[in-house]
């Protein structure tokens, strides 16, 4: 994967690391989203938890993000600044949370997964 320094800098500026990537509470026998569905209140999160395809996309996106963060910090050594990457992820989550339809959520996840796979 080729990393665009400008994209990484922008991502770091966005605060990618403090992203809500909670511990996964997966339903038995299935794959769930990257966050615990117990007690979710927002429409977006309830919709993701209730839609197996969206839950799988959330898990895929979170895996791609974690993989990139692991790869990025592996070679960076002490003091590697990933704050921009965390900020970018937070900005994406804010955009995702503005979705009001399942189609919007699917698009948001497809675009984010593609960006993580190609940009990083």
N, C-alpha and C. Protein backbone atom coordinates (compact mmCIF):
# COMPACT_ATOMS: atom_id res chain seq x y z
N UNK A 1 0.83 -1.18 0.00
CA UNK A 1 0.00 0.00 0.00
C UNK A 1 0.87 1.24 0.00
N UNK A 2 0.53 2.13 -0.87
CA UNK A 2 1.28 3.38 -0.95
C UNK A 2 0.56 4.43 -0.11
N UNK A 3 1.31 5.12 0.69
CA UNK A 3 0.73 6.12 1.57
C UNK A 3 1.01 7.51 1.03
N UNK A 4 -0.03 8.25 0.84
CA UNK A 4 0.11 9.63 0.42
C UNK A 4 0.42 10.47 1.66
N UNK A 5 1.60 11.10 1.71
CA UNK A 5 1.98 11.87 2.89
C UNK A 5 0.99 12.98 3.18
N UNK A 6 0.46 13.59 2.14
CA UNK A 6 -0.49 14.67 2.35
C UNK A 6 -1.76 14.12 2.97
N UNK A 7 -2.21 12.95 2.49
CA UNK A 7 -3.41 12.33 3.01
C UNK A 7 -3.20 11.93 4.46
N UNK A 8 -2.04 11.36 4.75
CA UNK A 8 -1.72 10.96 6.12
C UNK A 8 -1.69 12.18 7.02
N UNK A 9 -1.08 13.25 6.56
CA UNK A 9 -1.02 14.48 7.36
C UNK A 9 -2.42 15.00 7.63
N UNK A 10 -3.26 14.97 6.62
CA UNK A 10 -4.64 15.43 6.80
C UNK A 10 -5.38 14.51 7.75
N UNK A 11 -5.15 13.22 7.61
CA UNK A 11 -5.80 12.25 8.48
C UNK A 11 -5.35 12.45 9.91
N UNK A 12 -4.07 12.68 10.09
CA UNK A 12 -3.53 12.88 11.43
C UNK A 12 -4.13 14.15 12.02
N UNK A 13 -4.27 15.16 11.20
CA UNK A 13 -4.84 16.42 11.67
C UNK A 13 -6.29 16.24 12.08
N UNK A 14 -6.97 15.24 11.48
CA UNK A 14 -8.37 15.00 11.79
C UNK A 14 -8.57 14.24 13.09
N UNK A 15 -7.59 13.52 13.57
CA UNK A 15 -7.68 12.85 14.87
C UNK A 15 -8.12 11.42 14.81
N UNK A 16 -7.65 10.68 13.86
CA UNK A 16 -8.04 9.31 13.61
C UNK A 16 -7.97 8.39 14.81
N UNK A 17 -7.05 8.55 15.72
CA UNK A 17 -6.82 7.59 16.79
C UNK A 17 -7.88 7.56 17.87
N UNK A 18 -8.51 8.66 18.15
CA UNK A 18 -9.48 8.67 19.23
C UNK A 18 -10.85 8.26 18.73
N UNK A 19 -10.85 7.51 17.67
CA UNK A 19 -12.08 7.08 17.04
C UNK A 19 -12.76 6.04 17.90
N UNK A 20 -14.06 6.05 17.88
CA UNK A 20 -14.79 5.04 18.62
C UNK A 20 -14.63 3.70 17.94
N UNK A 21 -13.69 2.94 18.40
CA UNK A 21 -13.50 1.58 17.92
C UNK A 21 -13.64 0.67 19.14
N UNK A 22 -14.85 0.66 19.72
CA UNK A 22 -15.06 -0.08 20.94
C UNK A 22 -14.85 -1.57 20.76
N UNK A 23 -14.76 -2.24 21.90
CA UNK A 23 -14.63 -3.69 21.88
C UNK A 23 -15.87 -4.28 21.24
N UNK A 24 -15.64 -5.23 20.38
CA UNK A 24 -16.74 -5.83 19.64
C UNK A 24 -17.47 -6.85 20.49
N UNK A 25 -18.76 -6.70 20.55
CA UNK A 25 -19.60 -7.72 21.17
C UNK A 25 -20.38 -8.36 20.04
N UNK A 26 -19.83 -9.39 19.49
CA UNK A 26 -20.40 -10.04 18.31
C UNK A 26 -21.52 -11.00 18.70
N UNK A 27 -22.57 -11.05 17.90
CA UNK A 27 -23.60 -12.02 18.17
C UNK A 27 -23.05 -13.42 17.91
N UNK A 28 -23.54 -14.39 18.64
CA UNK A 28 -23.05 -15.76 18.47
C UNK A 28 -23.33 -16.24 17.06
N UNK A 29 -22.31 -16.81 16.45
CA UNK A 29 -22.46 -17.39 15.12
C UNK A 29 -22.45 -16.39 13.98
N UNK A 30 -22.28 -15.12 14.25
CA UNK A 30 -22.28 -14.15 13.17
C UNK A 30 -21.21 -13.11 13.39
N UNK A 31 -21.06 -12.28 12.38
CA UNK A 31 -20.09 -11.20 12.57
C UNK A 31 -20.88 -9.92 12.79
N UNK A 32 -20.49 -9.20 13.79
CA UNK A 32 -21.18 -7.96 14.10
C UNK A 32 -20.31 -6.78 13.78
N UNK A 33 -20.79 -5.61 14.11
CA UNK A 33 -20.02 -4.40 13.85
C UNK A 33 -18.83 -4.30 14.80
N UNK A 34 -18.04 -3.27 14.63
CA UNK A 34 -16.83 -3.08 15.43
C UNK A 34 -17.14 -2.50 16.81
N UNK A 35 -18.40 -2.28 17.12
CA UNK A 35 -18.78 -1.71 18.40
C UNK A 35 -19.85 -2.57 19.05
N UNK A 36 -20.01 -2.38 20.34
CA UNK A 36 -20.98 -3.14 21.12
C UNK A 36 -22.37 -2.58 20.85
N UNK A 37 -23.28 -3.43 20.40
CA UNK A 37 -24.63 -2.98 20.07
C UNK A 37 -25.53 -2.81 21.29
N UNK A 38 -25.11 -3.31 22.43
CA UNK A 38 -25.94 -3.21 23.63
C UNK A 38 -26.12 -1.75 24.02
N UNK A 39 -27.36 -1.32 24.06
CA UNK A 39 -27.65 0.03 24.53
C UNK A 39 -27.41 1.16 23.55
N UNK A 40 -27.18 0.85 22.26
CA UNK A 40 -26.97 1.94 21.31
C UNK A 40 -28.25 2.76 21.19
N UNK A 41 -28.11 4.05 21.01
CA UNK A 41 -29.26 4.94 20.98
C UNK A 41 -29.46 5.62 19.64
N UNK A 42 -28.39 5.90 18.93
CA UNK A 42 -28.50 6.61 17.66
C UNK A 42 -29.10 5.71 16.57
N UNK A 43 -29.89 6.35 15.68
CA UNK A 43 -30.48 5.62 14.57
C UNK A 43 -29.41 4.92 13.76
N UNK A 44 -28.31 5.61 13.49
CA UNK A 44 -27.24 5.05 12.66
C UNK A 44 -26.72 3.76 13.27
N UNK A 45 -26.41 3.78 14.54
CA UNK A 45 -25.86 2.59 15.19
C UNK A 45 -26.88 1.48 15.29
N UNK A 46 -28.14 1.82 15.61
CA UNK A 46 -29.19 0.78 15.66
C UNK A 46 -29.36 0.15 14.29
N UNK A 47 -29.29 0.96 13.24
CA UNK A 47 -29.45 0.45 11.89
C UNK A 47 -28.30 -0.48 11.52
N UNK A 48 -27.09 -0.08 11.86
CA UNK A 48 -25.92 -0.92 11.58
C UNK A 48 -26.04 -2.24 12.35
N UNK A 49 -26.42 -2.18 13.60
CA UNK A 49 -26.55 -3.38 14.42
C UNK A 49 -27.65 -4.31 13.89
N UNK A 50 -28.68 -3.74 13.30
CA UNK A 50 -29.80 -4.53 12.81
C UNK A 50 -29.68 -5.00 11.37
N UNK A 51 -28.63 -4.61 10.69
CA UNK A 51 -28.45 -4.97 9.28
C UNK A 51 -27.13 -5.73 9.14
N UNK A 52 -27.21 -7.05 8.90
CA UNK A 52 -25.99 -7.86 8.83
C UNK A 52 -24.97 -7.37 7.80
N UNK A 53 -25.45 -6.83 6.68
CA UNK A 53 -24.52 -6.34 5.66
C UNK A 53 -23.80 -5.08 6.14
N UNK A 54 -24.53 -4.17 6.76
CA UNK A 54 -23.89 -2.96 7.30
C UNK A 54 -22.96 -3.32 8.45
N UNK A 55 -23.37 -4.27 9.29
CA UNK A 55 -22.51 -4.70 10.39
C UNK A 55 -21.20 -5.26 9.85
N UNK A 56 -21.29 -6.05 8.78
CA UNK A 56 -20.09 -6.62 8.17
C UNK A 56 -19.21 -5.53 7.57
N UNK A 57 -19.83 -4.54 6.95
CA UNK A 57 -19.05 -3.43 6.39
C UNK A 57 -18.37 -2.64 7.50
N UNK A 58 -19.06 -2.45 8.62
CA UNK A 58 -18.45 -1.73 9.74
C UNK A 58 -17.24 -2.50 10.25
N UNK A 59 -17.38 -3.81 10.38
CA UNK A 59 -16.26 -4.63 10.84
C UNK A 59 -15.11 -4.60 9.84
N UNK A 60 -15.44 -4.63 8.54
CA UNK A 60 -14.40 -4.58 7.50
C UNK A 60 -13.67 -3.24 7.54
N UNK A 61 -14.44 -2.15 7.68
CA UNK A 61 -13.82 -0.82 7.74
C UNK A 61 -12.92 -0.71 8.96
N UNK A 62 -13.40 -1.18 10.11
CA UNK A 62 -12.61 -1.10 11.33
C UNK A 62 -11.34 -1.94 11.21
N UNK A 63 -11.45 -3.09 10.56
CA UNK A 63 -10.27 -3.94 10.35
C UNK A 63 -9.25 -3.26 9.45
N UNK A 64 -9.73 -2.62 8.39
CA UNK A 64 -8.83 -1.91 7.47
C UNK A 64 -8.15 -0.75 8.20
N UNK A 65 -8.90 -0.05 9.01
CA UNK A 65 -8.35 1.07 9.79
C UNK A 65 -7.29 0.57 10.76
N UNK A 66 -7.62 -0.47 11.53
CA UNK A 66 -6.66 -1.03 12.49
C UNK A 66 -5.41 -1.53 11.77
N UNK A 67 -5.59 -2.18 10.65
CA UNK A 67 -4.46 -2.70 9.88
C UNK A 67 -3.55 -1.56 9.44
N UNK A 68 -4.15 -0.48 8.94
CA UNK A 68 -3.34 0.66 8.53
C UNK A 68 -2.62 1.27 9.72
N UNK A 69 -3.34 1.45 10.82
CA UNK A 69 -2.72 2.05 12.00
C UNK A 69 -1.56 1.18 12.48
N UNK A 70 -1.75 -0.14 12.49
CA UNK A 70 -0.67 -1.05 12.89
C UNK A 70 0.52 -0.91 11.96
N UNK A 71 0.24 -0.88 10.66
CA UNK A 71 1.31 -0.78 9.66
C UNK A 71 2.02 0.57 9.77
N UNK A 72 1.26 1.63 9.96
CA UNK A 72 1.81 2.97 10.03
C UNK A 72 2.71 3.13 11.26
N UNK A 73 2.23 2.67 12.40
CA UNK A 73 2.99 2.85 13.63
C UNK A 73 4.15 1.86 13.75
N UNK A 74 4.06 0.73 13.06
CA UNK A 74 5.12 -0.29 13.13
C UNK A 74 6.46 0.28 12.70
N UNK A 75 6.50 1.01 11.62
CA UNK A 75 7.76 1.55 11.12
C UNK A 75 8.09 2.92 11.69
N UNK A 76 7.13 3.53 12.38
CA UNK A 76 7.32 4.89 12.85
C UNK A 76 8.14 5.03 14.12
N UNK A 77 8.14 4.01 14.91
CA UNK A 77 8.90 4.08 16.16
C UNK A 77 8.26 4.99 17.18
N UNK A 78 8.95 5.21 18.27
CA UNK A 78 8.41 6.06 19.34
C UNK A 78 8.11 7.46 18.82
N UNK A 79 7.03 8.00 19.28
CA UNK A 79 6.68 9.36 18.90
C UNK A 79 5.95 9.47 17.57
N UNK A 80 5.63 8.34 16.95
CA UNK A 80 4.89 8.38 15.69
C UNK A 80 3.54 9.05 15.95
N UNK A 81 3.26 10.08 15.20
CA UNK A 81 2.05 10.87 15.41
C UNK A 81 0.94 10.38 14.49
N UNK A 82 -0.06 9.77 15.06
CA UNK A 82 -1.20 9.29 14.28
C UNK A 82 -2.44 10.14 14.54
N UNK A 83 -2.27 11.27 15.17
CA UNK A 83 -3.43 12.10 15.52
C UNK A 83 -4.22 12.55 14.29
N UNK A 84 -3.56 12.81 13.19
CA UNK A 84 -4.27 13.21 11.98
C UNK A 84 -5.11 12.10 11.42
N UNK A 85 -4.60 10.89 11.49
CA UNK A 85 -5.36 9.73 11.02
C UNK A 85 -6.60 9.53 11.88
N UNK A 86 -6.43 9.72 13.17
CA UNK A 86 -7.57 9.59 14.08
C UNK A 86 -8.60 10.68 13.80
N UNK A 87 -8.14 11.87 13.53
CA UNK A 87 -9.05 12.98 13.24
C UNK A 87 -9.83 12.73 11.96
N UNK A 88 -9.16 12.18 10.97
CA UNK A 88 -9.85 11.87 9.72
C UNK A 88 -10.95 10.84 9.96
N UNK A 89 -10.65 9.84 10.78
CA UNK A 89 -11.66 8.83 11.08
C UNK A 89 -12.83 9.44 11.83
N UNK A 90 -12.54 10.32 12.78
CA UNK A 90 -13.62 10.99 13.50
C UNK A 90 -14.48 11.83 12.55
N UNK A 91 -13.83 12.49 11.61
CA UNK A 91 -14.57 13.30 10.64
C UNK A 91 -15.46 12.40 9.78
N UNK A 92 -14.92 11.25 9.39
CA UNK A 92 -15.73 10.30 8.60
C UNK A 92 -16.92 9.81 9.43
N UNK A 93 -16.69 9.48 10.71
CA UNK A 93 -17.79 9.04 11.56
C UNK A 93 -18.87 10.11 11.67
N UNK A 94 -18.46 11.36 11.77
CA UNK A 94 -19.43 12.46 11.84
C UNK A 94 -20.27 12.52 10.56
N UNK A 95 -19.60 12.35 9.41
CA UNK A 95 -20.34 12.34 8.13
C UNK A 95 -21.26 11.13 8.07
N UNK A 96 -20.76 9.98 8.49
CA UNK A 96 -21.59 8.76 8.49
C UNK A 96 -22.82 8.97 9.36
N UNK A 97 -22.64 9.59 10.50
CA UNK A 97 -23.74 9.79 11.44
C UNK A 97 -24.80 10.75 10.92
N UNK A 98 -24.51 11.48 9.85
CA UNK A 98 -25.50 12.36 9.24
C UNK A 98 -26.42 11.60 8.29
N UNK A 99 -26.08 10.36 7.97
CA UNK A 99 -26.92 9.55 7.07
C UNK A 99 -28.29 9.35 7.69
N UNK A 100 -29.29 9.37 6.82
CA UNK A 100 -30.66 9.14 7.26
C UNK A 100 -31.30 7.98 6.51
N UNK A 101 -30.54 7.31 5.66
CA UNK A 101 -31.05 6.15 4.93
C UNK A 101 -30.01 5.05 4.94
N UNK A 102 -30.46 3.82 4.75
CA UNK A 102 -29.53 2.68 4.64
C UNK A 102 -28.63 2.85 3.43
N UNK A 103 -29.17 3.35 2.35
CA UNK A 103 -28.37 3.54 1.13
C UNK A 103 -27.21 4.49 1.40
N UNK A 104 -27.47 5.54 2.15
CA UNK A 104 -26.41 6.48 2.52
C UNK A 104 -25.34 5.79 3.35
N UNK A 105 -25.75 4.97 4.30
CA UNK A 105 -24.79 4.23 5.12
C UNK A 105 -23.95 3.28 4.28
N UNK A 106 -24.59 2.56 3.37
CA UNK A 106 -23.85 1.65 2.49
C UNK A 106 -22.81 2.43 1.68
N UNK A 107 -23.21 3.56 1.12
CA UNK A 107 -22.29 4.39 0.34
C UNK A 107 -21.13 4.88 1.20
N UNK A 108 -21.45 5.35 2.40
CA UNK A 108 -20.42 5.87 3.30
C UNK A 108 -19.39 4.79 3.61
N UNK A 109 -19.86 3.59 3.93
CA UNK A 109 -18.92 2.51 4.24
C UNK A 109 -18.13 2.09 3.01
N UNK A 110 -18.80 1.97 1.86
CA UNK A 110 -18.08 1.58 0.64
C UNK A 110 -16.97 2.58 0.32
N UNK A 111 -17.27 3.86 0.43
CA UNK A 111 -16.28 4.90 0.14
C UNK A 111 -15.13 4.88 1.15
N UNK A 112 -15.44 4.69 2.43
CA UNK A 112 -14.40 4.69 3.45
C UNK A 112 -13.49 3.47 3.32
N UNK A 113 -14.09 2.32 3.06
CA UNK A 113 -13.30 1.09 2.88
C UNK A 113 -12.38 1.25 1.68
N UNK A 114 -12.91 1.80 0.61
CA UNK A 114 -12.10 2.01 -0.59
C UNK A 114 -10.96 2.98 -0.29
N UNK A 115 -11.27 4.06 0.42
CA UNK A 115 -10.22 5.04 0.75
C UNK A 115 -9.13 4.42 1.61
N UNK A 116 -9.52 3.64 2.59
CA UNK A 116 -8.54 3.00 3.47
C UNK A 116 -7.69 1.98 2.70
N UNK A 117 -8.32 1.28 1.77
CA UNK A 117 -7.60 0.27 1.00
C UNK A 117 -6.69 0.87 -0.06
N UNK A 118 -7.07 2.02 -0.62
CA UNK A 118 -6.26 2.59 -1.70
C UNK A 118 -5.32 3.67 -1.23
N UNK A 119 -5.79 4.54 -0.35
CA UNK A 119 -4.95 5.65 0.10
C UNK A 119 -3.86 5.20 1.04
N UNK A 120 -4.16 4.22 1.82
CA UNK A 120 -3.22 3.77 2.81
C UNK A 120 -2.57 2.50 2.35
